[in-house]
PDB file of N, CA and C in Angstrom:
ATOM      1  N   HIS A   1     350.064 182.263   0.173  1.00  0.00           N
ATOM      2  CA  HIS A   1     348.636 182.164  -0.015  1.00  0.00           C
ATOM      3  C   HIS A   1     348.334 181.324  -1.250  1.00  0.00           C
ATOM      4  N   VAL A   2     347.205 180.674  -1.224  1.00  0.00           N
ATOM      5  CA  VAL A   2     346.776 179.859  -2.349  1.00  0.00           C
ATOM      6  C   VAL A   2     345.429 180.367  -2.829  1.00  0.00           C
ATOM      7  N   CYS A   3     345.303 180.533  -4.137  1.00  0.00           N
ATOM      8  CA  CYS A   3     344.018 180.910  -4.730  1.00  0.00           C
ATOM      9  C   CYS A   3     343.307 179.632  -5.143  1.00  0.00           C
ATOM     10  N   THR A   4     342.012 179.601  -5.032  1.00  0.00           N
ATOM     11  CA  THR A   4     341.243 178.482  -5.539  1.00  0.00           C
ATOM     12  C   THR A   4     340.631 178.909  -6.861  1.00  0.00           C
ATOM     13  N   LEU A   5     340.854 178.114  -7.882  1.00  0.00           N
ATOM     14  CA  LEU A   5     340.377 178.429  -9.217  1.00  0.00           C
ATOM     15  C   LEU A   5     339.455 177.295  -9.661  1.00  0.00           C
ATOM     16  N   TRP A   6     338.205 177.613  -9.949  1.00  0.00           N
ATOM     17  CA  TRP A   6     337.247 176.607 -10.389  1.00  0.00           C
ATOM     18  C   TRP A   6     337.301 176.520 -11.907  1.00  0.00           C
ATOM     19  N   VAL A   7     337.396 175.295 -12.405  1.00  0.00           N
ATOM     20  CA  VAL A   7     337.468 175.069 -13.838  1.00  0.00           C
ATOM     21  C   VAL A   7     336.461 173.994 -14.202  1.00  0.00           C
ATOM     22  N   GLN A   8     335.684 174.252 -15.216  1.00  0.00           N
ATOM     23  CA  GLN A   8     334.749 173.257 -15.705  1.00  0.00           C
ATOM     24  C   GLN A   8     335.421 172.526 -16.860  1.00  0.00           C
ATOM     25  N   ILE A   9     335.678 171.236 -16.688  1.00  0.00           N
ATOM     26  CA  ILE A   9     336.355 170.415 -17.683  1.00  0.00           C
ATOM     27  C   ILE A   9     335.302 169.807 -18.611  1.00  0.00           C
ATOM     28  N   LEU A  10     335.679 169.606 -19.864  1.00  0.00           N
ATOM     29  CA  LEU A  10     334.752 169.080 -20.859  1.00  0.00           C
ATOM     30  C   LEU A  10     334.725 167.563 -20.866  1.00  0.00           C
ATOM     31  N   CYS A  11     333.555 167.014 -21.020  1.00  0.00           N
ATOM     32  CA  CYS A  11     333.405 165.593 -21.295  1.00  0.00           C
ATOM     33  C   CYS A  11     332.850 165.512 -22.710  1.00  0.00           C
ATOM     34  N   THR A  12     333.569 164.856 -23.605  1.00  0.00           N
ATOM     35  CA  THR A  12     333.124 164.840 -24.987  1.00  0.00           C
ATOM     36  C   THR A  12     332.953 163.420 -25.496  1.00  0.00           C
ATOM     37  N   LEU A  13     332.073 163.287 -26.422  1.00  0.00           N
ATOM     38  CA  LEU A  13     331.909 162.037 -27.142  1.00  0.00           C
ATOM     39  C   LEU A  13     332.775 162.116 -28.383  1.00  0.00           C
ATOM     40  N   PRO A  14     333.201 160.965 -28.950  1.00  0.00           N
ATOM     41  CA  PRO A  14     334.091 161.008 -30.108  1.00  0.00           C
ATOM     42  C   PRO A  14     333.594 161.864 -31.256  1.00  0.00           C
ATOM     43  N   SER A  15     332.287 161.975 -31.441  1.00  0.00           N
ATOM     44  CA  SER A  15     331.761 162.731 -32.570  1.00  0.00           C
ATOM     45  C   SER A  15     331.684 164.229 -32.294  1.00  0.00           C
ATOM     46  N   GLU A  16     331.958 164.638 -31.053  1.00  0.00           N
ATOM     47  CA  GLU A  16     331.856 166.040 -30.712  1.00  0.00           C
ATOM     48  C   GLU A  16     333.220 166.706 -30.802  1.00  0.00           C
ATOM     49  N   THR A  17     333.227 167.970 -31.155  1.00  0.00           N
ATOM     50  CA  THR A  17     334.479 168.707 -31.119  1.00  0.00           C
ATOM     51  C   THR A  17     334.770 169.064 -29.673  1.00  0.00           C
ATOM     52  N   PRO A  18     336.040 169.220 -29.294  1.00  0.00           N
ATOM     53  CA  PRO A  18     336.383 169.410 -27.892  1.00  0.00           C
ATOM     54  C   PRO A  18     335.664 170.552 -27.187  1.00  0.00           C
ATOM     55  N   MET A  19     335.525 171.706 -27.809  1.00  0.00           N
ATOM     56  CA  MET A  19     334.934 172.829 -27.086  1.00  0.00           C
ATOM     57  C   MET A  19     333.414 172.909 -27.212  1.00  0.00           C
ATOM     58  N   THR A  20     332.806 172.010 -27.963  1.00  0.00           N
ATOM     59  CA  THR A  20     331.351 172.046 -28.068  1.00  0.00           C
ATOM     60  C   THR A  20     330.707 170.857 -27.364  1.00  0.00           C
ATOM     61  N   GLY A  21     331.492 170.027 -26.706  1.00  0.00           N
ATOM     62  CA  GLY A  21     330.969 168.834 -26.051  1.00  0.00           C
ATOM     63  C   GLY A  21     330.177 169.182 -24.804  1.00  0.00           C
ATOM     64  N   SER A  22     329.588 168.155 -24.237  1.00  0.00           N
ATOM     65  CA  SER A  22     328.829 168.280 -23.005  1.00  0.00           C
ATOM     66  C   SER A  22     329.796 168.609 -21.867  1.00  0.00           C
ATOM     67  N   LYS A  23     329.510 169.674 -21.136  1.00  0.00           N
ATOM     68  CA  LYS A  23     330.401 170.118 -20.062  1.00  0.00           C
ATOM     69  C   LYS A  23     329.770 169.777 -18.725  1.00  0.00           C
ATOM     70  N   THR A  24     330.174 168.649 -18.153  1.00  0.00           N
ATOM     71  CA  THR A  24     329.547 168.211 -16.915  1.00  0.00           C
ATOM     72  C   THR A  24     330.535 167.946 -15.785  1.00  0.00           C
ATOM     73  N   ALA A  25     331.800 167.694 -16.076  1.00  0.00           N
ATOM     74  CA  ALA A  25     332.768 167.385 -15.021  1.00  0.00           C
ATOM     75  C   ALA A  25     333.389 168.676 -14.490  1.00  0.00           C
ATOM     76  N   ARG A  26     333.694 168.684 -13.200  1.00  0.00           N
ATOM     77  CA  ARG A  26     334.317 169.856 -12.582  1.00  0.00           C
ATOM     78  C   ARG A  26     335.671 169.446 -12.006  1.00  0.00           C
ATOM     79  N   ARG A  27     336.598 170.396 -12.027  1.00  0.00           N
ATOM     80  CA  ARG A  27     337.901 170.233 -11.405  1.00  0.00           C
ATOM     81  C   ARG A  27     338.147 171.453 -10.539  1.00  0.00           C
ATOM     82  N   ASN A  28     338.584 171.240  -9.332  1.00  0.00           N
ATOM     83  CA  ASN A  28     338.907 172.323  -8.424  1.00  0.00           C
ATOM     84  C   ASN A  28     340.427 172.375  -8.326  1.00  0.00           C
ATOM     85  N   LEU A  29     341.026 173.482  -8.733  1.00  0.00           N
ATOM     86  CA  LEU A  29     342.469 173.629  -8.721  1.00  0.00           C
ATOM     87  C   LEU A  29     342.879 174.664  -7.694  1.00  0.00           C
ATOM     88  N   ARG A  30     343.958 174.391  -7.012  1.00  0.00           N
ATOM     89  CA  ARG A  30     344.548 175.382  -6.117  1.00  0.00           C
ATOM     90  C   ARG A  30     345.831 175.844  -6.785  1.00  0.00           C
ATOM     91  N   VAL A  31     345.957 177.140  -6.980  1.00  0.00           N
ATOM     92  CA  VAL A  31     347.140 177.697  -7.626  1.00  0.00           C
ATOM     93  C   VAL A  31     347.674 178.867  -6.821  1.00  0.00           C
ATOM     94  N   ALA A  32     348.958 179.086  -6.947  1.00  0.00           N
ATOM     95  CA  ALA A  32     349.579 180.238  -6.297  1.00  0.00           C
ATOM     96  C   ALA A  32     349.073 181.506  -6.970  1.00  0.00           C
ATOM     97  N   PRO A  33     349.027 182.606  -6.244  1.00  0.00           N
ATOM     98  CA  PRO A  33     348.559 183.863  -6.835  1.00  0.00           C
ATOM     99  C   PRO A  33     349.323 184.249  -8.105  1.00  0.00           C
ATOM    100  N   ALA A  34     350.625 184.020  -8.119  1.00  0.00           N
ATOM    101  CA  ALA A  34     351.408 184.361  -9.317  1.00  0.00           C
ATOM    102  C   ALA A  34     350.979 183.507 -10.512  1.00  0.00           C
ATOM    103  N   ASP A  35     350.708 182.221 -10.248  1.00  0.00           N
ATOM    104  CA  ASP A  35     350.241 181.356 -11.338  1.00  0.00           C
ATOM    105  C   ASP A  35     348.859 181.781 -11.811  1.00  0.00           C
ATOM    106  N   ASP A  36     348.002 182.147 -10.867  1.00  0.00           N
ATOM    107  CA  ASP A  36     346.662 182.601 -11.217  1.00  0.00           C
ATOM    108  C   ASP A  36     346.735 183.832 -12.116  1.00  0.00           C
ATOM    109  N   ALA A  37     347.590 184.774 -11.755  1.00  0.00           N
ATOM    110  CA  ALA A  37     347.732 185.990 -12.561  1.00  0.00           C
ATOM    111  C   ALA A  37     348.265 185.653 -13.957  1.00  0.00           C
ATOM    112  N   LEU A  38     349.244 184.760 -14.029  1.00  0.00           N
ATOM    113  CA  LEU A  38     349.813 184.371 -15.318  1.00  0.00           C
ATOM    114  C   LEU A  38     348.771 183.680 -16.196  1.00  0.00           C
ATOM    115  N   ILE A  39     347.998 182.780 -15.598  1.00  0.00           N
ATOM    116  CA  ILE A  39     346.958 182.063 -16.336  1.00  0.00           C
ATOM    117  C   ILE A  39     345.908 183.047 -16.855  1.00  0.00           C
ATOM    118  N   ARG A  40     345.487 183.954 -16.008  1.00  0.00           N
ATOM    119  CA  ARG A  40     344.492 184.949 -16.429  1.00  0.00           C
ATOM    120  C   ARG A  40     345.027 185.836 -17.552  1.00  0.00           C
ATOM    121  N   GLN A  41     346.295 186.220 -17.455  1.00  0.00           N
ATOM    122  CA  GLN A  41     346.907 187.034 -18.502  1.00  0.00           C
ATOM    123  C   GLN A  41     346.979 186.248 -19.809  1.00  0.00           C
ATOM    124  N   GLY A  42     347.392 184.985 -19.731  1.00  0.00           N
ATOM    125  CA  GLY A  42     347.447 184.152 -20.929  1.00  0.00           C
ATOM    126  C   GLY A  42     346.077 183.985 -21.568  1.00  0.00           C
ATOM    127  N   ALA A  43     345.065 183.771 -20.749  1.00  0.00           N
ATOM    128  CA  ALA A  43     343.700 183.623 -21.260  1.00  0.00           C
ATOM    129  C   ALA A  43     343.240 184.900 -21.946  1.00  0.00           C
ATOM    130  N   ALA A  44     343.562 186.035 -21.355  1.00  0.00           N
ATOM    131  CA  ALA A  44     343.160 187.322 -21.944  1.00  0.00           C
ATOM    132  C   ALA A  44     343.829 187.530 -23.291  1.00  0.00           C
ATOM    133  N   VAL A  45     345.112 187.218 -23.369  1.00  0.00           N
ATOM    134  CA  VAL A  45     345.838 187.380 -24.637  1.00  0.00           C
ATOM    135  C   VAL A  45     345.269 186.445 -25.699  1.00  0.00           C
ATOM    136  N   ALA A  46     344.884 185.244 -25.286  1.00  0.00           N
ATOM    137  CA  ALA A  46     344.311 184.266 -26.221  1.00  0.00           C
ATOM    138  C   ALA A  46     342.858 184.588 -26.568  1.00  0.00           C
ATOM    139  N   GLY A  47     342.256 185.516 -25.832  1.00  0.00           N
ATOM    140  CA  GLY A  47     340.850 185.842 -26.070  1.00  0.00           C
ATOM    141  C   GLY A  47     339.919 184.734 -25.623  1.00  0.00           C
ATOM    142  N   GLU A  48     340.308 184.041 -24.562  1.00  0.00           N
ATOM    143  CA  GLU A  48     339.531 182.909 -24.060  1.00  0.00           C
ATOM    144  C   GLU A  48     339.191 183.136 -22.596  1.00  0.00           C
ATOM    145  N   SER A  49     338.174 182.423 -22.131  1.00  0.00           N
ATOM    146  CA  SER A  49     337.901 182.427 -20.695  1.00  0.00           C
ATOM    147  C   SER A  49     339.017 181.637 -20.017  1.00  0.00           C
ATOM    148  N   VAL A  50     339.157 181.833 -18.713  1.00  0.00           N
ATOM    149  CA  VAL A  50     340.176 181.083 -17.973  1.00  0.00           C
ATOM    150  C   VAL A  50     339.899 179.584 -18.091  1.00  0.00           C
ATOM    151  N   SER A  51     338.641 179.199 -17.978  1.00  0.00           N
ATOM    152  CA  SER A  51     338.294 177.780 -18.094  1.00  0.00           C
ATOM    153  C   SER A  51     338.690 177.224 -19.457  1.00  0.00           C
ATOM    154  N   GLU A  52     338.331 177.936 -20.512  1.00  0.00           N
ATOM    155  CA  GLU A  52     338.658 177.473 -21.856  1.00  0.00           C
ATOM    156  C   GLU A  52     340.168 177.400 -22.038  1.00  0.00           C
ATOM    157  N   PHE A  53     340.880 178.409 -21.571  1.00  0.00           N
ATOM    158  CA  PHE A  53     342.338 178.448 -21.681  1.00  0.00           C
ATOM    159  C   PHE A  53     342.960 177.241 -20.988  1.00  0.00           C
ATOM    160  N   LEU A  54     342.508 176.942 -19.773  1.00  0.00           N
ATOM    161  CA  LEU A  54     343.063 175.814 -19.024  1.00  0.00           C
ATOM    162  C   LEU A  54     342.712 174.475 -19.659  1.00  0.00           C
ATOM    163  N   VAL A  55     341.485 174.347 -20.131  1.00  0.00           N
ATOM    164  CA  VAL A  55     341.077 173.087 -20.757  1.00  0.00           C
ATOM    165  C   VAL A  55     341.871 172.835 -22.029  1.00  0.00           C
ATOM    166  N   VAL A  56     341.984 173.850 -22.880  1.00  0.00           N
ATOM    167  CA  VAL A  56     342.727 173.695 -24.129  1.00  0.00           C
ATOM    168  C   VAL A  56     344.194 173.392 -23.830  1.00  0.00           C
ATOM    169  N   SER A  57     344.776 174.111 -22.886  1.00  0.00           N
ATOM    170  CA  SER A  57     346.175 173.892 -22.525  1.00  0.00           C
ATOM    171  C   SER A  57     346.380 172.495 -21.959  1.00  0.00           C
ATOM    172  N   ALA A  58     345.515 172.082 -21.061  1.00  0.00           N
ATOM    173  CA  ALA A  58     345.640 170.753 -20.460  1.00  0.00           C
ATOM    174  C   ALA A  58     345.425 169.657 -21.503  1.00  0.00           C
ATOM    175  N   ARG A  59     344.436 169.851 -22.389  1.00  0.00           N
ATOM    176  CA  ARG A  59     344.178 168.852 -23.419  1.00  0.00           C
ATOM    177  C   ARG A  59     345.386 168.713 -24.339  1.00  0.00           C
ATOM    178  N   THR A  60     345.957 169.849 -24.741  1.00  0.00           N
ATOM    179  CA  THR A  60     347.123 169.827 -25.629  1.00  0.00           C
ATOM    180  C   THR A  60     348.273 169.081 -24.978  1.00  0.00           C
ATOM    181  N   ARG A  61     348.550 169.375 -23.719  1.00  0.00           N
ATOM    182  CA  ARG A  61     349.651 168.695 -23.030  1.00  0.00           C
ATOM    183  C   ARG A  61     349.354 167.217 -22.867  1.00  0.00           C
ATOM    184  N   ALA A  62     348.138 166.861 -22.505  1.00  0.00           N
ATOM    185  CA  ALA A  62     347.781 165.452 -22.347  1.00  0.00           C
ATOM    186  C   ALA A  62     347.919 164.698 -23.667  1.00  0.00           C
ATOM    187  N   GLU A  63     347.468 165.312 -24.752  1.00  0.00           N
ATOM    188  CA  GLU A  63     347.599 164.673 -26.066  1.00  0.00           C
ATOM    189  C   GLU A  63     349.063 164.454 -26.419  1.00  0.00           C
ATOM    190  N   MET A  64     349.918 165.444 -26.119  1.00  0.00           N
ATOM    191  CA  MET A  64     351.340 165.307 -26.414  1.00  0.00           C
ATOM    192  C   MET A  64     351.968 164.193 -25.575  1.00  0.00           C
ATOM    193  N   LEU A  65     351.628 164.129 -24.298  1.00  0.00           N
ATOM    194  CA  LEU A  65     352.191 163.107 -23.423  1.00  0.00           C
ATOM    195  C   LEU A  65     351.705 161.709 -23.781  1.00  0.00           C
ATOM    196  N   LEU A  66     350.468 161.620 -24.234  1.00  0.00           N
ATOM    197  CA  LEU A  66     349.890 160.310 -24.531  1.00  0.00           C
ATOM    198  C   LEU A  66     350.106 159.861 -25.974  1.00  0.00           C
ATOM    199  N   ALA A  67     350.613 160.745 -26.818  1.00  0.00           N
ATOM    200  CA  ALA A  67     350.703 160.446 -28.249  1.00  0.00           C
ATOM    201  C   ALA A  67     351.443 159.155 -28.538  1.00  0.00           C
ATOM    202  N   ASP A  68     352.533 158.896 -27.842  1.00  0.00           N
ATOM    203  CA  ASP A  68     353.288 157.676 -28.137  1.00  0.00           C
ATOM    204  C   ASP A  68     352.927 156.529 -27.207  1.00  0.00           C
ATOM    205  N   ARG A  69     351.871 156.691 -26.443  1.00  0.00           N
ATOM    206  CA  ARG A  69     351.448 155.650 -25.512  1.00  0.00           C
ATOM    207  C   ARG A  69     350.084 155.079 -25.855  1.00  0.00           C
ATOM    208  N   ARG A  70     349.614 155.400 -27.018  1.00  0.00           N
ATOM    209  CA  ARG A  70     348.294 154.928 -27.432  1.00  0.00           C
ATOM    210  C   ARG A  70     348.414 153.687 -28.283  1.00  0.00           C
ATOM    211  N   GLU A  71     347.336 153.009 -28.412  1.00  0.00           N
ATOM    212  CA  GLU A  71     347.282 151.821 -29.264  1.00  0.00           C
ATOM    213  C   GLU A  71     347.039 152.272 -30.692  1.00  0.00           C
ATOM    214  N   PHE A  72     347.866 151.788 -31.602  1.00  0.00           N
ATOM    215  CA  PHE A  72     347.707 152.107 -33.016  1.00  0.00           C
ATOM    216  C   PHE A  72     347.302 150.832 -33.744  1.00  0.00           C
ATOM    217  N   VAL A  73     346.215 150.896 -34.452  1.00  0.00           N
ATOM    218  CA  VAL A  73     345.699 149.743 -35.166  1.00  0.00           C
ATOM    219  C   VAL A  73     345.867 149.985 -36.652  1.00  0.00           C
ATOM    220  N   LEU A  74     346.510 149.046 -37.325  1.00  0.00           N
ATOM    221  CA  LEU A  74     346.738 149.164 -38.763  1.00  0.00           C
ATOM    222  C   LEU A  74     346.112 147.973 -39.475  1.00  0.00           C
ATOM    223  N   ASN A  75     345.596 148.227 -40.676  1.00  0.00           N
ATOM    224  CA  ASN A  75     345.122 147.100 -41.480  1.00  0.00           C
ATOM    225  C   ASN A  75     346.342 146.378 -42.048  1.00  0.00           C
ATOM    226  N   ASP A  76     346.136 145.259 -42.718  1.00  0.00           N
ATOM    227  CA  ASP A  76     347.257 144.443 -43.199  1.00  0.00           C
ATOM    228  C   ASP A  76     348.172 145.210 -44.152  1.00  0.00           C
ATOM    229  N   GLU A  77     347.593 146.002 -45.034  1.00  0.00           N
ATOM    230  CA  GLU A  77     348.400 146.755 -45.999  1.00  0.00           C
ATOM    231  C   GLU A  77     349.250 147.813 -45.287  1.00  0.00           C
ATOM    232  N   ALA A  78     348.635 148.565 -44.380  1.00  0.00           N
ATOM    233  CA  ALA A  78     349.365 149.596 -43.645  1.00  0.00           C
ATOM    234  C   ALA A  78     350.443 148.967 -42.757  1.00  0.00           C
ATOM    235  N   TRP A  79     350.145 147.802 -42.186  1.00  0.00           N
ATOM    236  CA  TRP A  79     351.131 147.097 -41.353  1.00  0.00           C
ATOM    237  C   TRP A  79     352.346 146.694 -42.182  1.00  0.00           C
ATOM    238  N   ALA A  80     352.106 146.211 -43.394  1.00  0.00           N
ATOM    239  CA  ALA A  80     353.205 145.817 -44.279  1.00  0.00           C
ATOM    240  C   ALA A  80     354.068 147.032 -44.639  1.00  0.00           C
ATOM    241  N   VAL A  81     353.437 148.151 -44.947  1.00  0.00           N
ATOM    242  CA  VAL A  81     354.172 149.370 -45.276  1.00  0.00           C
ATOM    243  C   VAL A  81     354.974 149.846 -44.064  1.00  0.00           C
ATOM    244  N   PHE A  82     354.362 149.799 -42.902  1.00  0.00           N
ATOM    245  CA  PHE A  82     355.031 150.216 -41.672  1.00  0.00           C
ATOM    246  C   PHE A  82     356.251 149.340 -41.398  1.00  0.00           C
ATOM    247  N   ASN A  83     356.087 148.029 -41.507  1.00  0.00           N
ATOM    248  CA  ASN A  83     357.203 147.115 -41.279  1.00  0.00           C
ATOM    249  C   ASN A  83     358.307 147.291 -42.315  1.00  0.00           C
ATOM    250  N   ALA A  84     357.933 147.531 -43.550  1.00  0.00           N
ATOM    251  CA  ALA A  84     358.940 147.759 -44.589  1.00  0.00           C
ATOM    252  C   ALA A  84     359.762 149.005 -44.261  1.00  0.00           C
ATOM    253  N   ALA A  85     359.105 150.044 -43.765  1.00  0.00           N
ATOM    254  CA  ALA A  85     359.825 151.264 -43.388  1.00  0.00           C
ATOM    255  C   ALA A  85     360.781 150.994 -42.229  1.00  0.00           C
ATOM    256  N   LEU A  86     360.357 150.186 -41.280  1.00  0.00           N
ATOM    257  CA  LEU A  86     361.231 149.852 -40.158  1.00  0.00           C
ATOM    258  C   LEU A  86     362.419 148.998 -40.592  1.00  0.00           C
ATOM    259  N   ASP A  87     362.211 148.162 -41.597  1.00  0.00           N
ATOM    260  CA  ASP A  87     363.260 147.248 -42.063  1.00  0.00           C
ATOM    261  C   ASP A  87     364.296 147.920 -42.963  1.00  0.00           C
ATOM    262  N   ARG A  88     363.951 149.075 -43.537  1.00  0.00           N
ATOM    263  CA  ARG A  88     364.910 149.784 -44.399  1.00  0.00           C
ATOM    264  C   ARG A  88     366.074 150.292 -43.567  1.00  0.00           C
ATOM    265  N   PRO A  89     367.277 150.256 -44.144  1.00  0.00           N
ATOM    266  CA  PRO A  89     368.403 150.823 -43.402  1.00  0.00           C
ATOM    267  C   PRO A  89     368.237 152.335 -43.246  1.00  0.00           C
ATOM    268  N   ALA A  90     368.787 152.843 -42.176  1.00  0.00           N
ATOM    269  CA  ALA A  90     368.710 154.281 -41.921  1.00  0.00           C
ATOM    270  C   ALA A  90     369.553 155.023 -42.941  1.00  0.00           C
ATOM    271  N   LYS A  91     369.111 156.211 -43.291  1.00  0.00           N
ATOM    272  CA  LYS A  91     369.877 157.073 -44.190  1.00  0.00           C
ATOM    273  C   LYS A  91     370.819 157.935 -43.355  1.00  0.00           C
ATOM    274  N   VAL A  92     372.061 158.003 -43.798  1.00  0.00           N
ATOM    275  CA  VAL A  92     373.016 158.878 -43.127  1.00  0.00           C
ATOM    276  C   VAL A  92     372.853 160.266 -43.719  1.00  0.00           C
ATOM    277  N   ARG A  93     372.568 161.218 -42.865  1.00  0.00           N
ATOM    278  CA  ARG A  93     372.396 162.605 -43.295  1.00  0.00           C
ATOM    279  C   ARG A  93     373.585 163.402 -42.754  1.00  0.00           C
ATOM    280  N   PRO A  94     374.442 163.899 -43.663  1.00  0.00           N
ATOM    281  CA  PRO A  94     375.648 164.600 -43.221  1.00  0.00           C
ATOM    282  C   PRO A  94     375.376 165.750 -42.257  1.00  0.00           C
ATOM    283  N   GLU A  95     374.290 166.492 -42.477  1.00  0.00           N
ATOM    284  CA  GLU A  95     374.002 167.619 -41.590  1.00  0.00           C
ATOM    285  C   GLU A  95     373.685 167.163 -40.170  1.00  0.00           C
ATOM    286  N   VAL A  96     373.064 166.004 -40.038  1.00  0.00           N
ATOM    287  CA  VAL A  96     372.767 165.476 -38.709  1.00  0.00           C
ATOM    288  C   VAL A  96     374.048 164.966 -38.056  1.00  0.00           C
ATOM    289  N   VAL A  97     374.884 164.278 -38.831  1.00  0.00           N
ATOM    290  CA  VAL A  97     376.170 163.797 -38.317  1.00  0.00           C
ATOM    291  C   VAL A  97     377.000 164.973 -37.819  1.00  0.00           C
ATOM    292  N   GLU A  98     377.035 166.053 -38.612  1.00  0.00           N
ATOM    293  CA  GLU A  98     377.800 167.241 -38.237  1.00  0.00           C
ATOM    294  C   GLU A  98     377.226 167.874 -36.967  1.00  0.00           C
ATOM    295  N   LEU A  99     375.919 167.972 -36.895  1.00  0.00           N
ATOM    296  CA  LEU A  99     375.281 168.570 -35.732  1.00  0.00           C
ATOM    297  C   LEU A  99     375.585 167.772 -34.472  1.00  0.00           C
ATOM    298  N   LEU A 100     375.461 166.474 -34.550  1.00  0.00           N
ATOM    299  CA  LEU A 100     375.684 165.631 -33.377  1.00  0.00           C
ATOM    300  C   LEU A 100     377.161 165.537 -33.015  1.00  0.00           C
ATOM    301  N   GLY A 101     378.045 165.873 -33.955  1.00  0.00           N
ATOM    302  CA  GLY A 101     379.472 165.855 -33.698  1.00  0.00           C
ATOM    303  C   GLY A 101     379.991 167.128 -33.058  1.00  0.00           C
ATOM    304  N   ARG A 102     379.182 168.164 -32.998  1.00  0.00           N
ATOM    305  CA  ARG A 102     379.605 169.427 -32.400  1.00  0.00           C
ATOM    306  C   ARG A 102     379.760 169.287 -30.897  1.00  0.00           C
ATOM    307  N   PRO A 103     380.706 170.024 -30.320  1.00  0.00           N
ATOM    308  CA  PRO A 103     380.810 169.989 -28.853  1.00  0.00           C
ATOM    309  C   PRO A 103     379.606 170.689 -28.228  1.00  0.00           C
ATOM    310  N   ARG A 104     379.261 170.228 -27.056  1.00  0.00           N
ATOM    311  CA  ARG A 104     378.133 170.847 -26.327  1.00  0.00           C
ATOM    312  C   ARG A 104     378.504 172.235 -25.853  1.00  0.00           C
ATOM    313  N   PRO A 105     377.559 173.150 -25.843  1.00  0.00           N
ATOM    314  CA  PRO A 105     377.854 174.487 -25.307  1.00  0.00           C
ATOM    315  C   PRO A 105     378.168 174.380 -23.822  1.00  0.00           C
ATOM    316  N   GLU A 106     379.047 175.215 -23.378  1.00  0.00           N
ATOM    317  CA  GLU A 106     379.448 175.228 -21.946  1.00  0.00           C
ATOM    318  C   GLU A 106     378.466 176.034 -21.143  1.00  0.00           C
TER     319      GLU A 106
END
């Protein structure tokens, strides 16, 4: 069986905070009953509505996935500092060498 879960997704302007923005877009999700129960339990523990819980969770995951895929704009000074950091030789850290030299767990 599939449960249908209605979620109101937020549309925000850059000056608005995520949970106070204009809420006009809708998303219709179909979830398994076990997932629905888990989501509801998570929302209850967080003290949030199911919609808020799903929006915050989805936003967090989207931000994490997109973090290294965004355009970063630097002024000339910041660009010079960034390039200088890239041009420096890497530091050898014995603890990292030791960690990476360990055999993998079976």
